[in-house]
Amino acid sequence: MVDISKFNLPQNNWGDFVAVLKSLQSMLIKLGYSPSNVSVHKIYLTKRDDVQRFFLEVTPKSPKHLSRYKEIISRVGTQVVNGDRL
């Protein structure tokens, strides 16, 4: 997920960042991902295959995100994670 609200910018400046998110969404689509629509100030990857591929190809350095990813992957097949969505 990319969330521009974390930048603590005035909301009247978010228009430029929404354009950046839309550009990112377009790039992800060209790379074969299925990102969500831009939602006010966020974009998501929710399909299991997309998330796993993203973590293999990009490998985010945030310990928080890596830990959360490993926890979610450990629950695949449980009630928490069903179908092709994480």
Protein backbone atom coordinates (compact mmCIF):
# COMPACT_ATOMS: atom_id res chain seq x y z
CA MET A 1 0.00 0.00 0.00
CA VAL A 2 1.14 3.49 -0.77
CA ASP A 3 -0.45 6.08 1.53
CA ILE A 4 0.38 9.74 0.90
CA SER A 5 -1.45 10.85 4.04
CA LYS A 6 1.70 9.86 5.98
CA PHE A 7 3.54 12.85 4.47
CA ASN A 8 1.55 15.27 6.67
CA LEU A 9 0.83 17.60 3.77
CA PRO A 10 -2.14 19.95 3.59
CA GLN A 11 -5.00 18.23 1.81
CA ASN A 12 -5.06 20.92 -0.87
CA ASN A 13 -1.64 19.61 -2.06
CA TRP A 14 -2.78 16.01 -2.41
CA GLY A 15 -3.86 16.50 -6.02
CA ASP A 16 -0.25 16.31 -7.19
CA PHE A 17 0.34 13.18 -5.15
CA VAL A 18 -2.85 11.56 -6.46
CA ALA A 19 -1.38 12.08 -9.93
CA VAL A 20 1.78 10.30 -8.76
CA LEU A 21 -0.32 7.43 -7.38
CA LYS A 22 -2.19 7.14 -10.67
CA SER A 23 1.13 7.01 -12.48
CA LEU A 24 2.34 4.31 -10.06
CA GLN A 25 -0.89 2.40 -10.64
CA SER A 26 -0.30 2.56 -14.40
CA MET A 27 3.28 1.31 -14.00
CA LEU A 28 2.17 -1.58 -11.79
CA ILE A 29 -0.41 -2.59 -14.39
CA LYS A 30 2.26 -2.53 -17.12
CA LEU A 31 4.39 -4.79 -14.93
CA GLY A 32 1.54 -7.29 -14.67
CA TYR A 33 0.20 -6.40 -11.21
CA SER A 34 -3.47 -5.76 -10.41
CA PRO A 35 -3.45 -2.66 -8.18
CA SER A 36 -6.58 -1.16 -6.69
CA ASN A 37 -8.02 2.09 -7.91
CA VAL A 38 -6.54 5.18 -6.31
CA SER A 39 -8.65 5.80 -3.21
CA VAL A 40 -8.32 9.43 -2.08
CA HIS A 41 -4.65 9.01 -1.07
CA LYS A 42 -3.92 5.26 -1.19
CA ILE A 43 -3.33 2.41 -3.61
CA TYR A 44 -3.27 -1.29 -2.69
CA LEU A 45 -2.07 -4.64 -3.97
CA THR A 46 -4.47 -7.23 -2.56
CA LYS A 47 -4.15 -10.33 -4.71
CA ARG A 48 -2.01 -12.97 -3.04
CA ASP A 49 0.11 -13.57 -6.15
CA ASP A 50 0.70 -9.82 -6.57
CA VAL A 51 1.74 -9.35 -2.94
CA GLN A 52 4.06 -12.37 -2.95
CA ARG A 53 5.62 -11.28 -6.25
CA PHE A 54 6.04 -7.71 -4.98
CA PHE A 55 7.83 -8.90 -1.84
CA LEU A 56 10.10 -11.15 -3.93
CA GLU A 57 10.91 -8.50 -6.56
CA VAL A 58 10.98 -5.32 -4.49
CA THR A 59 11.71 -6.62 -0.97
CA PRO A 60 10.65 -3.64 1.15
CA LYS A 61 13.18 -2.78 3.87
CA SER A 62 10.62 -1.81 6.52
CA PRO A 63 10.80 -4.38 9.34
CA LYS A 64 7.14 -3.63 10.12
CA HIS A 65 6.02 -4.52 6.58
CA LEU A 66 8.23 -7.60 6.38
CA SER A 67 6.95 -8.86 9.72
CA ARG A 68 3.32 -8.27 8.74
CA TYR A 69 3.86 -9.99 5.39
CA LYS A 70 5.40 -13.07 7.05
CA GLU A 71 2.54 -13.24 9.55
CA ILE A 72 -0.11 -13.04 6.83
CA ILE A 73 1.64 -15.63 4.64
CA SER A 74 1.78 -18.01 7.62
CA ARG A 75 -2.03 -17.83 7.80
CA VAL A 76 -2.71 -18.74 4.16
CA GLY A 77 -5.49 -21.30 4.07
CA THR A 78 -7.00 -20.20 7.37
CA GLN A 79 -10.14 -18.14 7.91
CA VAL A 80 -8.02 -14.99 7.95
CA VAL A 81 -6.74 -15.53 4.40
CA ASN A 82 -9.05 -17.11 1.87
CA GLY A 83 -9.22 -17.27 -1.90
CA ASP A 84 -6.80 -15.21 -3.94
CA ARG A 85 -6.87 -12.16 -1.64
CA LEU A 86 -4.67 -11.36 1.34
